[in-house]
N, C-alpha and C. Protein backbone atom coordinates (compact mmCIF):
# COMPACT_ATOMS: atom_id res chain seq x y z
N MET A 1 -44.34 -23.84 57.35
CA MET A 1 -43.37 -23.05 56.61
C MET A 1 -42.99 -21.80 57.40
N LYS A 2 -43.95 -21.26 58.13
CA LYS A 2 -43.68 -20.07 58.93
C LYS A 2 -42.58 -20.35 59.96
N THR A 3 -42.63 -21.55 60.56
CA THR A 3 -41.62 -21.93 61.56
C THR A 3 -40.24 -22.06 60.91
N LEU A 4 -40.19 -22.67 59.73
CA LEU A 4 -38.91 -22.80 59.03
C LEU A 4 -38.32 -21.42 58.71
N HIS A 5 -39.18 -20.51 58.29
CA HIS A 5 -38.71 -19.15 57.98
C HIS A 5 -38.17 -18.48 59.24
N LYS A 6 -38.88 -18.62 60.36
CA LYS A 6 -38.41 -17.99 61.60
C LYS A 6 -37.08 -18.57 62.04
N ILE A 7 -36.92 -19.89 61.96
CA ILE A 7 -35.65 -20.52 62.32
C ILE A 7 -34.53 -19.99 61.42
N ASN A 8 -34.81 -19.88 60.14
CA ASN A 8 -33.83 -19.39 59.18
C ASN A 8 -33.42 -17.96 59.49
N VAL A 9 -34.38 -17.10 59.75
CA VAL A 9 -34.09 -15.69 60.01
C VAL A 9 -33.32 -15.54 61.33
N ILE A 10 -33.73 -16.27 62.35
CA ILE A 10 -33.02 -16.18 63.63
C ILE A 10 -31.57 -16.63 63.46
N ALA A 11 -31.35 -17.72 62.74
CA ALA A 11 -29.98 -18.20 62.52
C ALA A 11 -29.17 -17.18 61.71
N LEU A 12 -29.78 -16.58 60.70
CA LEU A 12 -29.08 -15.60 59.87
C LEU A 12 -28.73 -14.35 60.68
N ILE A 13 -29.68 -13.83 61.43
CA ILE A 13 -29.42 -12.62 62.23
C ILE A 13 -28.37 -12.91 63.29
N THR A 14 -28.45 -14.08 63.92
CA THR A 14 -27.43 -14.45 64.91
C THR A 14 -26.05 -14.49 64.28
N THR A 15 -25.96 -15.08 63.11
CA THR A 15 -24.67 -15.15 62.41
C THR A 15 -24.16 -13.75 62.08
N LEU A 16 -25.03 -12.90 61.57
CA LEU A 16 -24.61 -11.54 61.23
C LEU A 16 -24.16 -10.77 62.47
N LEU A 17 -24.87 -10.95 63.59
CA LEU A 17 -24.47 -10.27 64.82
C LEU A 17 -23.14 -10.81 65.35
N LEU A 18 -22.93 -12.11 65.21
CA LEU A 18 -21.68 -12.68 65.69
C LEU A 18 -20.49 -12.27 64.83
N TYR A 19 -20.75 -11.73 63.64
CA TYR A 19 -19.66 -11.23 62.82
C TYR A 19 -19.05 -9.95 63.39
N ILE A 20 -19.64 -9.43 64.46
CA ILE A 20 -18.99 -8.31 65.17
C ILE A 20 -17.63 -8.79 65.67
N THR A 21 -17.59 -10.01 66.18
CA THR A 21 -16.32 -10.68 66.46
C THR A 21 -16.15 -11.67 65.32
N VAL A 22 -15.28 -11.40 64.43
CA VAL A 22 -15.19 -12.11 63.15
C VAL A 22 -15.12 -13.62 63.33
N LEU A 23 -14.34 -14.09 64.27
CA LEU A 23 -14.16 -15.53 64.45
C LEU A 23 -15.48 -16.23 64.83
N LEU A 24 -16.25 -15.63 65.74
CA LEU A 24 -17.53 -16.23 66.12
C LEU A 24 -18.51 -16.23 64.95
N GLY A 25 -18.47 -15.20 64.13
CA GLY A 25 -19.30 -15.15 62.94
C GLY A 25 -18.97 -16.26 61.97
N MET A 26 -17.69 -16.54 61.83
CA MET A 26 -17.27 -17.62 60.94
C MET A 26 -17.77 -18.97 61.46
N TYR A 27 -17.64 -19.17 62.76
CA TYR A 27 -18.15 -20.42 63.35
C TYR A 27 -19.67 -20.53 63.19
N ALA A 28 -20.37 -19.43 63.39
CA ALA A 28 -21.83 -19.45 63.24
C ALA A 28 -22.22 -19.73 61.80
N GLN A 29 -21.42 -19.24 60.86
CA GLN A 29 -21.71 -19.48 59.44
C GLN A 29 -21.55 -20.96 59.10
N ILE A 30 -20.64 -21.64 59.79
CA ILE A 30 -20.47 -23.08 59.59
C ILE A 30 -21.75 -23.83 59.99
N LEU A 31 -22.47 -23.33 60.97
CA LEU A 31 -23.74 -23.94 61.38
C LEU A 31 -24.90 -23.48 60.50
N LEU A 32 -24.84 -22.23 60.05
CA LEU A 32 -25.92 -21.69 59.23
C LEU A 32 -26.04 -22.40 57.89
N GLY A 33 -24.92 -22.73 57.27
CA GLY A 33 -24.93 -23.37 55.95
C GLY A 33 -25.71 -24.67 55.92
N PRO A 34 -25.34 -25.66 56.76
CA PRO A 34 -26.10 -26.91 56.77
C PRO A 34 -27.57 -26.72 57.18
N LEU A 35 -27.82 -25.79 58.10
CA LEU A 35 -29.20 -25.52 58.49
C LEU A 35 -30.02 -25.05 57.30
N GLN A 36 -29.47 -24.15 56.53
CA GLN A 36 -30.20 -23.66 55.36
C GLN A 36 -30.35 -24.74 54.29
N LEU A 37 -29.38 -25.59 54.15
CA LEU A 37 -29.51 -26.69 53.18
C LEU A 37 -30.62 -27.65 53.61
N ILE A 38 -30.72 -27.92 54.90
CA ILE A 38 -31.80 -28.78 55.41
C ILE A 38 -33.15 -28.12 55.17
N ILE A 39 -33.26 -26.84 55.47
CA ILE A 39 -34.52 -26.12 55.22
C ILE A 39 -34.84 -26.13 53.73
N ALA A 40 -33.84 -25.94 52.89
CA ALA A 40 -34.07 -25.96 51.43
C ALA A 40 -34.54 -27.33 50.97
N LEU A 41 -34.00 -28.39 51.54
CA LEU A 41 -34.48 -29.74 51.20
C LEU A 41 -35.94 -29.92 51.60
N ILE A 42 -36.29 -29.46 52.78
CA ILE A 42 -37.68 -29.57 53.25
C ILE A 42 -38.60 -28.79 52.33
N VAL A 43 -38.22 -27.57 52.00
CA VAL A 43 -39.04 -26.73 51.12
C VAL A 43 -39.15 -27.39 49.74
N SER A 44 -38.04 -27.90 49.23
CA SER A 44 -38.05 -28.50 47.90
C SER A 44 -38.95 -29.73 47.83
N TYR A 45 -38.94 -30.54 48.86
CA TYR A 45 -39.74 -31.78 48.83
C TYR A 45 -41.17 -31.59 49.31
N SER A 46 -41.40 -30.66 50.22
CA SER A 46 -42.74 -30.53 50.80
C SER A 46 -43.60 -29.46 50.15
N TYR A 47 -42.99 -28.40 49.63
CA TYR A 47 -43.77 -27.25 49.17
C TYR A 47 -43.59 -26.90 47.70
N TYR A 48 -42.63 -27.51 47.03
CA TYR A 48 -42.26 -27.08 45.68
C TYR A 48 -43.45 -27.04 44.73
N LYS A 49 -44.27 -28.07 44.71
CA LYS A 49 -45.39 -28.14 43.76
C LYS A 49 -46.51 -27.15 44.10
N LYS A 50 -46.54 -26.67 45.35
CA LYS A 50 -47.56 -25.72 45.77
C LYS A 50 -47.19 -24.28 45.44
N LEU A 51 -45.96 -24.06 45.01
CA LEU A 51 -45.46 -22.70 44.80
C LEU A 51 -45.75 -22.20 43.39
N SER A 52 -45.72 -20.90 43.27
CA SER A 52 -45.87 -20.28 41.95
C SER A 52 -44.62 -20.55 41.12
N PRO A 53 -44.72 -20.44 39.80
CA PRO A 53 -43.52 -20.66 38.96
C PRO A 53 -42.36 -19.74 39.33
N ARG A 54 -42.65 -18.51 39.72
CA ARG A 54 -41.59 -17.57 40.11
C ARG A 54 -40.84 -18.08 41.34
N LEU A 55 -41.57 -18.59 42.33
CA LEU A 55 -40.92 -19.11 43.54
C LEU A 55 -40.21 -20.43 43.27
N GLN A 56 -40.76 -21.23 42.36
CA GLN A 56 -40.07 -22.47 41.97
C GLN A 56 -38.72 -22.14 41.32
N LYS A 57 -38.71 -21.12 40.48
CA LYS A 57 -37.45 -20.69 39.87
C LYS A 57 -36.48 -20.17 40.93
N GLY A 58 -37.04 -19.52 41.96
CA GLY A 58 -36.21 -19.03 43.06
C GLY A 58 -35.53 -20.16 43.81
N ILE A 59 -36.26 -21.25 44.04
CA ILE A 59 -35.68 -22.43 44.70
C ILE A 59 -34.58 -23.03 43.83
N ILE A 60 -34.85 -23.14 42.53
CA ILE A 60 -33.85 -23.69 41.62
C ILE A 60 -32.60 -22.80 41.60
N LEU A 61 -32.80 -21.49 41.56
CA LEU A 61 -31.68 -20.55 41.58
C LEU A 61 -30.88 -20.70 42.87
N TYR A 62 -31.57 -20.88 44.00
CA TYR A 62 -30.87 -21.08 45.27
C TYR A 62 -30.00 -22.33 45.20
N TRP A 63 -30.55 -23.43 44.70
CA TRP A 63 -29.77 -24.67 44.63
C TRP A 63 -28.57 -24.52 43.72
N ILE A 64 -28.74 -23.85 42.60
CA ILE A 64 -27.61 -23.62 41.68
C ILE A 64 -26.53 -22.79 42.38
N ALA A 65 -26.95 -21.73 43.06
CA ALA A 65 -25.98 -20.87 43.75
C ALA A 65 -25.29 -21.62 44.89
N ALA A 66 -26.05 -22.40 45.65
CA ALA A 66 -25.47 -23.12 46.79
C ALA A 66 -24.48 -24.19 46.32
N VAL A 67 -24.86 -24.96 45.32
CA VAL A 67 -23.96 -26.01 44.82
C VAL A 67 -22.72 -25.39 44.17
N THR A 68 -22.90 -24.32 43.42
CA THR A 68 -21.76 -23.64 42.81
C THR A 68 -20.82 -23.10 43.88
N SER A 69 -21.38 -22.49 44.91
CA SER A 69 -20.57 -21.95 46.00
C SER A 69 -19.81 -23.05 46.73
N LEU A 70 -20.49 -24.16 46.99
CA LEU A 70 -19.82 -25.28 47.66
C LEU A 70 -18.70 -25.85 46.79
N THR A 71 -18.93 -25.94 45.50
CA THR A 71 -17.91 -26.45 44.58
C THR A 71 -16.69 -25.52 44.53
N ILE A 72 -16.94 -24.23 44.41
CA ILE A 72 -15.84 -23.26 44.39
C ILE A 72 -15.09 -23.30 45.71
N THR A 73 -15.82 -23.39 46.80
CA THR A 73 -15.20 -23.46 48.12
C THR A 73 -14.31 -24.69 48.23
N TYR A 74 -14.80 -25.81 47.77
CA TYR A 74 -14.03 -27.05 47.83
C TYR A 74 -12.73 -26.92 47.06
N PHE A 75 -12.80 -26.44 45.83
CA PHE A 75 -11.60 -26.33 45.02
C PHE A 75 -10.67 -25.23 45.52
N SER A 76 -11.23 -24.19 46.11
CA SER A 76 -10.39 -23.14 46.71
C SER A 76 -9.66 -23.68 47.92
N TRP A 77 -10.33 -24.53 48.67
CA TRP A 77 -9.75 -25.08 49.88
C TRP A 77 -8.58 -26.01 49.55
N LEU A 78 -8.65 -26.70 48.42
CA LEU A 78 -7.56 -27.59 48.02
C LEU A 78 -6.27 -26.82 47.75
N ASP A 79 -6.43 -25.62 47.23
CA ASP A 79 -5.28 -24.78 46.92
C ASP A 79 -5.31 -23.55 47.82
N TYR A 80 -5.30 -23.81 49.14
CA TYR A 80 -5.51 -22.73 50.10
C TYR A 80 -4.30 -21.81 50.19
N ARG A 81 -4.55 -20.57 49.89
CA ARG A 81 -3.61 -19.48 50.14
C ARG A 81 -4.45 -18.32 50.62
N ALA A 82 -4.06 -17.73 51.71
CA ALA A 82 -4.84 -16.63 52.28
C ALA A 82 -4.78 -15.43 51.34
N ASN A 83 -5.85 -15.23 50.62
CA ASN A 83 -5.95 -14.05 49.75
C ASN A 83 -7.40 -13.61 49.70
N ASP A 84 -7.65 -12.54 48.99
CA ASP A 84 -8.99 -11.97 48.94
C ASP A 84 -10.00 -12.92 48.31
N PHE A 85 -9.57 -13.68 47.31
CA PHE A 85 -10.48 -14.61 46.64
C PHE A 85 -11.00 -15.67 47.62
N ILE A 86 -10.14 -16.17 48.46
CA ILE A 86 -10.54 -17.18 49.45
C ILE A 86 -11.54 -16.58 50.43
N ILE A 87 -11.27 -15.39 50.91
CA ILE A 87 -12.17 -14.74 51.86
C ILE A 87 -13.54 -14.52 51.24
N ILE A 88 -13.55 -14.08 49.99
CA ILE A 88 -14.82 -13.84 49.30
C ILE A 88 -15.57 -15.15 49.08
N THR A 89 -14.87 -16.19 48.63
CA THR A 89 -15.57 -17.45 48.33
C THR A 89 -15.99 -18.20 49.59
N LEU A 90 -15.27 -18.04 50.68
CA LEU A 90 -15.61 -18.78 51.90
C LEU A 90 -16.62 -18.05 52.78
N PHE A 91 -16.65 -16.73 52.71
CA PHE A 91 -17.48 -16.00 53.67
C PHE A 91 -18.48 -15.04 53.03
N VAL A 92 -18.06 -14.25 52.09
CA VAL A 92 -18.94 -13.22 51.54
C VAL A 92 -20.03 -13.82 50.65
N ILE A 93 -19.65 -14.63 49.68
CA ILE A 93 -20.64 -15.21 48.75
C ILE A 93 -21.65 -16.10 49.49
N PRO A 94 -21.20 -16.99 50.38
CA PRO A 94 -22.20 -17.79 51.12
C PRO A 94 -23.17 -16.95 51.96
N MET A 95 -22.69 -15.84 52.52
CA MET A 95 -23.60 -15.00 53.29
C MET A 95 -24.60 -14.28 52.38
N LEU A 96 -24.17 -13.92 51.18
CA LEU A 96 -25.11 -13.32 50.23
C LEU A 96 -26.17 -14.35 49.82
N ILE A 97 -25.74 -15.59 49.61
CA ILE A 97 -26.70 -16.66 49.29
C ILE A 97 -27.63 -16.90 50.47
N ALA A 98 -27.11 -16.83 51.68
CA ALA A 98 -27.94 -17.01 52.88
C ALA A 98 -28.99 -15.91 52.99
N CYS A 99 -28.60 -14.68 52.68
CA CYS A 99 -29.57 -13.57 52.71
C CYS A 99 -30.62 -13.75 51.63
N TYR A 100 -30.21 -14.19 50.46
CA TYR A 100 -31.17 -14.47 49.39
C TYR A 100 -32.16 -15.55 49.83
N PHE A 101 -31.67 -16.60 50.48
CA PHE A 101 -32.54 -17.67 50.90
C PHE A 101 -33.51 -17.21 51.99
N ALA A 102 -33.06 -16.32 52.87
CA ALA A 102 -33.97 -15.77 53.88
C ALA A 102 -35.10 -14.99 53.21
N ARG A 103 -34.76 -14.21 52.22
CA ARG A 103 -35.78 -13.47 51.46
C ARG A 103 -36.72 -14.44 50.73
N LEU A 104 -36.16 -15.50 50.17
CA LEU A 104 -36.96 -16.49 49.46
C LEU A 104 -37.92 -17.20 50.41
N THR A 105 -37.46 -17.58 51.60
CA THR A 105 -38.37 -18.24 52.56
C THR A 105 -39.46 -17.27 53.01
N TYR A 106 -39.14 -15.98 53.10
CA TYR A 106 -40.17 -14.99 53.42
C TYR A 106 -41.23 -14.95 52.33
N CYS A 107 -40.80 -14.90 51.08
CA CYS A 107 -41.75 -14.86 49.95
C CYS A 107 -42.58 -16.14 49.88
N ILE A 108 -41.96 -17.27 50.14
CA ILE A 108 -42.69 -18.55 50.12
C ILE A 108 -43.73 -18.58 51.23
N THR A 109 -43.34 -18.15 52.43
CA THR A 109 -44.27 -18.12 53.56
C THR A 109 -45.45 -17.20 53.25
N LYS A 110 -45.17 -16.03 52.72
CA LYS A 110 -46.20 -15.06 52.36
C LYS A 110 -47.14 -15.65 51.30
N TYR A 111 -46.57 -16.29 50.28
CA TYR A 111 -47.36 -16.89 49.21
C TYR A 111 -48.26 -18.00 49.74
N LEU A 112 -47.70 -18.86 50.58
CA LEU A 112 -48.50 -19.98 51.12
C LEU A 112 -49.58 -19.49 52.06
N ASN A 113 -49.34 -18.41 52.80
CA ASN A 113 -50.37 -17.87 53.68
C ASN A 113 -51.52 -17.24 52.90
N ILE A 114 -51.22 -16.71 51.72
CA ILE A 114 -52.27 -16.12 50.89
C ILE A 114 -53.07 -17.22 50.19
N THR A 115 -52.39 -18.22 49.65
CA THR A 115 -53.08 -19.26 48.90
C THR A 115 -53.72 -20.34 49.77
N GLN A 116 -53.17 -20.52 50.98
CA GLN A 116 -53.71 -21.52 51.90
C GLN A 116 -53.89 -20.92 53.29
N PRO A 117 -54.94 -20.14 53.49
CA PRO A 117 -55.10 -19.45 54.78
C PRO A 117 -55.36 -20.38 55.94
């Protein structure tokens, strides 16, 4: 789990740094999304039952947020018009979810290190 957390944080920090040049940040975010979904699948299937109820709820909240964001993005993309709503749904909300997931993987790693030294 520690390795998954490190991969997640490195990808997130790289994406945030690449947002200095907005276009590269957007491209990096395209890679960050699937990477985090893969990590979330691994955590959900491999560690879910070992986690505390609070962390289990955190995983469920992440999945709800991710699926909701993907759904909104899909429907926004169908009716694409460059406006603030599109920018927020395509870039800002997913990055907030990505930051939440980085914090969640940190808490999971910390919890597993305490309960399983």
